[in-house]
Amino acid sequence: MKAIILTLVVLNLAFGGWLYWQQQEAVDDALTEPLAQLNNLGLDEATRARLTQSGRQRDNAGQPAQCILIRGIGSVEDSRVIQARLTALEVPAEEQIRSEVTRTDHWVVLGPFESTARARERLAQLQADDVESFLINQGRLEGGISLGLFSSSSNAENRRAALVEAGIDARIEEFERLREVRDLNIAADAARLLSDSALESILDRFEGVEFQRYGC
């Protein structure tokens, strides 16, 4: 009787061990493909380790849902590299393209005039009085006269005030310089897979790119 009981105990232990081994095999198989992708991204070993660990993490389900916004990616190539690194962690991201103001120029001008002949006549008068100026040949101020272009609004205002004092009725026009940038939005379910340190590792080589978490 004792032999039968011992045999049953041994069989139960063996069966339990086999089930545990099967579960571990399933986890390892699920991680194999993402790890292989990480190895192909040219990341150093320490970075791969941080990203792999982050890929296994899950946030507390009771916490409020948070998405991630990655902002200010300056080129198509940089966006593709970042998305490839996220994809290796099975984190999808939606790309959005927008225009961003890089700087505002302040243009001191006269006109535009009713005709090119009138603009050239006024330009000749200004240059005869040693006022630095030139004719604007394109854009929304075509046919006007430039009296100075400034990155500082205060410098532009000083120039305009000096011209007005000299009897020249100049004004200031503002021009915004734009560039195309890309943002990546990561939904809440995928955002739970990434720690802040993992995101910093992904983005640290891309100047001006930053991320933030927000309720969604």
Protein backbone atom coordinates (compact mmCIF):
# COMPACT_ATOMS: atom_id res chain seq x y z
CA MET A 1 0.00 0.00 0.00
CA LYS A 2 2.82 2.39 0.90
CA ALA A 3 4.48 1.64 -2.40
CA ILE A 4 1.32 2.59 -4.29
CA ILE A 5 0.98 5.88 -2.38
CA LEU A 6 4.65 6.75 -2.98
CA THR A 7 4.24 5.95 -6.66
CA LEU A 8 1.21 8.28 -6.92
CA VAL A 9 3.09 11.08 -5.13
CA VAL A 10 6.05 10.75 -7.49
CA LEU A 11 3.75 10.77 -10.52
CA ASN A 12 1.95 13.91 -9.28
CA LEU A 13 5.26 15.70 -8.72
CA ALA A 14 6.48 14.71 -12.16
CA PHE A 15 3.25 15.89 -13.80
CA GLY A 16 3.41 19.22 -11.94
CA GLY A 17 7.00 19.73 -13.05
CA TRP A 18 6.05 18.98 -16.65
CA LEU A 19 3.23 21.59 -16.55
CA TYR A 20 5.61 24.22 -15.13
CA TRP A 21 8.15 23.45 -17.87
CA GLN A 22 5.47 23.86 -20.56
CA GLN A 23 4.45 27.27 -19.18
CA GLN A 24 8.05 28.49 -19.14
CA GLU A 25 8.55 27.32 -22.72
CA ALA A 26 5.50 29.33 -23.82
CA VAL A 27 6.85 32.50 -22.15
CA ASP A 28 10.30 32.03 -23.68
CA ASP A 29 8.81 31.49 -27.15
CA ALA A 30 6.71 34.64 -26.83
CA LEU A 31 9.83 36.70 -26.07
CA THR A 32 12.12 35.15 -28.71
CA GLU A 33 10.97 37.25 -31.70
CA PRO A 34 11.06 40.67 -29.92
CA LEU A 35 14.52 39.87 -28.55
CA ALA A 36 15.76 38.96 -32.02
CA GLN A 37 14.40 42.24 -33.37
CA LEU A 38 16.15 44.19 -30.60
CA ASN A 39 19.44 42.52 -31.49
CA ASN A 40 19.07 43.74 -35.08
CA LEU A 41 18.60 47.42 -34.14
CA GLY A 42 22.24 48.18 -33.38
CA LEU A 43 21.63 48.86 -29.68
CA ASP A 44 24.31 48.30 -27.06
CA GLU A 45 23.89 45.43 -24.60
CA ALA A 46 22.90 47.61 -21.64
CA THR A 47 20.19 49.37 -23.66
CA ARG A 48 18.82 46.06 -24.97
CA ALA A 49 18.65 44.76 -21.41
CA ARG A 50 16.68 47.80 -20.22
CA LEU A 51 14.29 47.62 -23.16
CA THR A 52 13.76 43.88 -22.76
CA GLN A 53 13.02 44.27 -19.06
CA SER A 54 10.60 47.10 -19.84
CA GLY A 55 8.88 44.92 -22.42
CA ARG A 56 8.01 42.41 -19.69
CA GLN A 57 6.54 45.03 -17.36
CA ARG A 58 2.84 45.68 -16.82
CA ASP A 59 1.41 48.62 -14.90
CA ASN A 60 -1.00 48.15 -12.05
CA ALA A 61 -4.41 47.63 -13.65
CA GLY A 62 -6.00 49.86 -11.02
CA GLN A 63 -4.03 52.94 -12.11
CA PRO A 64 -5.64 55.52 -14.46
CA ALA A 65 -5.01 54.85 -18.15
CA GLN A 66 -2.14 56.90 -19.59
CA CYS A 67 -1.00 57.30 -23.17
CA ILE A 68 2.45 58.45 -24.32
CA LEU A 69 3.17 61.30 -26.74
CA ILE A 70 6.64 61.47 -28.33
CA ARG A 71 7.09 64.99 -29.74
CA GLY A 72 9.41 66.87 -32.06
CA ILE A 73 10.88 64.22 -34.39
CA GLY A 74 12.63 66.25 -37.06
CA SER A 75 12.92 63.82 -39.98
CA VAL A 76 11.28 60.82 -41.63
CA GLU A 77 14.40 58.73 -41.00
CA ASP A 78 14.44 59.45 -37.26
CA SER A 79 10.74 58.62 -37.01
CA ARG A 80 11.31 55.27 -38.73
CA VAL A 81 14.18 54.35 -36.39
CA ILE A 82 12.14 55.17 -33.28
CA GLN A 83 9.15 53.23 -34.59
CA ALA A 84 11.39 50.23 -35.35
CA ARG A 85 12.65 50.20 -31.77
CA LEU A 86 9.10 50.40 -30.45
CA THR A 87 7.95 47.65 -32.80
CA ALA A 88 10.72 45.40 -31.48
CA LEU A 89 9.00 45.70 -28.09
CA GLU A 90 5.60 45.04 -29.71
CA VAL A 91 4.56 48.64 -29.01
CA PRO A 92 2.61 50.20 -31.92
CA ALA A 93 2.68 53.98 -32.42
CA GLU A 94 0.55 56.27 -34.56
CA GLU A 95 2.45 58.99 -36.46
CA GLN A 96 1.09 62.52 -36.81
CA ILE A 97 2.66 65.29 -38.91
CA ARG A 98 2.38 68.96 -37.96
CA SER A 99 4.05 72.31 -38.58
CA GLU A 100 6.12 73.88 -35.84
CA VAL A 101 7.29 77.51 -35.63
CA THR A 102 11.08 77.57 -35.40
CA ARG A 103 11.43 81.35 -35.24
CA THR A 104 9.62 84.60 -36.05
CA ASP A 105 11.27 87.27 -38.20
CA HIS A 106 10.29 90.94 -38.00
CA TRP A 107 10.42 92.81 -41.30
CA VAL A 108 10.41 96.61 -41.45
CA VAL A 109 8.76 97.59 -44.73
CA LEU A 110 7.04 100.19 -46.89
CA GLY A 111 4.23 99.31 -49.30
CA PRO A 112 3.45 97.32 -51.33
CA PHE A 113 2.91 100.12 -53.84
CA GLU A 114 0.28 100.33 -56.55
CA SER A 115 2.86 99.67 -59.28
CA THR A 116 6.44 98.51 -59.73
CA ALA A 117 7.31 101.90 -61.21
CA ARG A 118 6.08 103.69 -58.08
CA ALA A 119 8.01 101.27 -55.85
CA ARG A 120 11.22 101.86 -57.81
CA GLU A 121 10.73 105.61 -57.62
CA ARG A 122 10.34 105.49 -53.83
CA LEU A 123 13.32 103.15 -53.55
CA ALA A 124 15.49 105.62 -55.47
CA GLN A 125 14.47 108.42 -53.08
CA LEU A 126 15.36 106.33 -50.03
CA GLN A 127 18.73 105.30 -51.41
CA ALA A 128 19.50 108.90 -52.32
CA ASP A 129 18.95 109.71 -48.63
CA ASP A 130 21.34 106.88 -47.65
CA VAL A 131 18.53 104.73 -46.24
CA GLU A 132 19.44 101.07 -46.60
CA SER A 133 16.61 99.48 -48.58
CA PHE A 134 15.77 97.10 -51.41
CA LEU A 135 12.78 96.10 -53.53
CA ILE A 136 10.80 93.00 -52.50
CA ASN A 137 10.27 90.82 -55.59
CA GLN A 138 8.20 87.91 -54.27
CA GLY A 139 5.82 86.78 -51.56
CA ARG A 140 2.89 88.57 -50.01
CA LEU A 141 4.89 91.82 -49.81
CA GLU A 142 5.93 91.78 -53.47
CA GLY A 143 6.13 95.34 -54.77
CA GLY A 144 7.06 96.70 -51.34
CA ILE A 145 10.37 97.98 -49.98
CA SER A 146 12.40 96.28 -47.26
CA LEU A 147 14.03 98.53 -44.68
CA GLY A 148 15.49 95.78 -42.50
CA LEU A 149 14.87 92.21 -41.35
CA PHE A 150 15.30 91.38 -37.64
CA SER A 151 15.03 88.31 -35.44
CA SER A 152 14.38 90.54 -32.42
CA SER A 153 11.09 92.43 -32.18
CA SER A 154 12.74 95.16 -30.08
CA ASN A 155 15.43 95.76 -32.72
CA ALA A 156 12.75 95.94 -35.40
CA GLU A 157 10.77 98.46 -33.35
CA ASN A 158 13.89 100.59 -32.80
CA ARG A 159 14.50 100.62 -36.56
CA ARG A 160 10.88 101.53 -37.31
CA ALA A 161 10.90 104.34 -34.72
CA ALA A 162 14.09 105.83 -36.19
CA LEU A 163 12.58 105.77 -39.69
CA VAL A 164 9.33 107.38 -38.51
CA GLU A 165 11.37 110.12 -36.84
CA ALA A 166 13.06 110.69 -40.20
CA GLY A 167 9.65 111.06 -41.87
CA ILE A 168 9.43 107.55 -43.32
CA ASP A 169 6.13 105.85 -42.47
CA ALA A 170 7.46 102.30 -42.04
CA ARG A 171 5.66 99.41 -40.40
CA ILE A 172 6.58 95.93 -39.10
CA GLU A 173 5.40 92.66 -40.64
CA GLU A 174 5.96 89.35 -38.84
CA PHE A 175 6.94 86.17 -40.67
CA GLU A 176 6.89 82.76 -39.00
CA ARG A 177 9.51 80.24 -40.11
CA LEU A 178 8.07 76.72 -40.02
CA ARG A 179 9.39 73.20 -40.14
CA GLU A 180 7.61 69.88 -40.49
CA VAL A 181 7.83 67.66 -37.42
CA ARG A 182 6.44 64.25 -36.50
CA ASP A 183 4.84 63.09 -33.28
CA LEU A 184 4.19 59.49 -32.21
CA ASN A 185 1.20 58.61 -30.08
CA ILE A 186 1.18 55.37 -28.06
CA ALA A 187 -2.17 54.12 -26.78
CA ALA A 188 -2.68 53.24 -23.12
CA ASP A 189 -2.48 49.45 -23.49
CA ALA A 190 0.88 49.68 -25.24
CA ALA A 191 2.13 52.52 -23.01
CA ARG A 192 1.94 50.16 -20.03
CA LEU A 193 4.74 48.12 -21.60
CA LEU A 194 7.25 50.98 -21.45
CA SER A 195 9.03 52.45 -18.46
CA ASP A 196 10.37 56.00 -18.57
CA SER A 197 13.95 54.70 -18.52
CA ALA A 198 13.25 52.55 -21.59
CA LEU A 199 11.84 55.53 -23.47
CA GLU A 200 14.87 57.62 -22.53
CA SER A 201 17.13 54.87 -23.90
CA ILE A 202 15.20 54.85 -27.18
CA LEU A 203 15.18 58.64 -27.61
CA ASP A 204 18.50 59.78 -26.13
CA ARG A 205 20.29 60.16 -29.50
CA PHE A 206 17.55 62.29 -31.08
CA GLU A 207 18.08 65.96 -30.28
CA GLY A 208 14.96 67.91 -29.36
CA VAL A 209 12.74 64.82 -29.11
CA GLU A 210 10.87 64.43 -25.83
CA PHE A 211 8.00 62.39 -24.42
CA GLN A 212 5.21 62.85 -21.93
CA ARG A 213 2.52 60.67 -20.39
CA TYR A 214 -1.02 61.97 -20.29
CA GLY A 215 -4.43 60.72 -19.23
CA CYS A 216 -6.43 59.18 -22.05
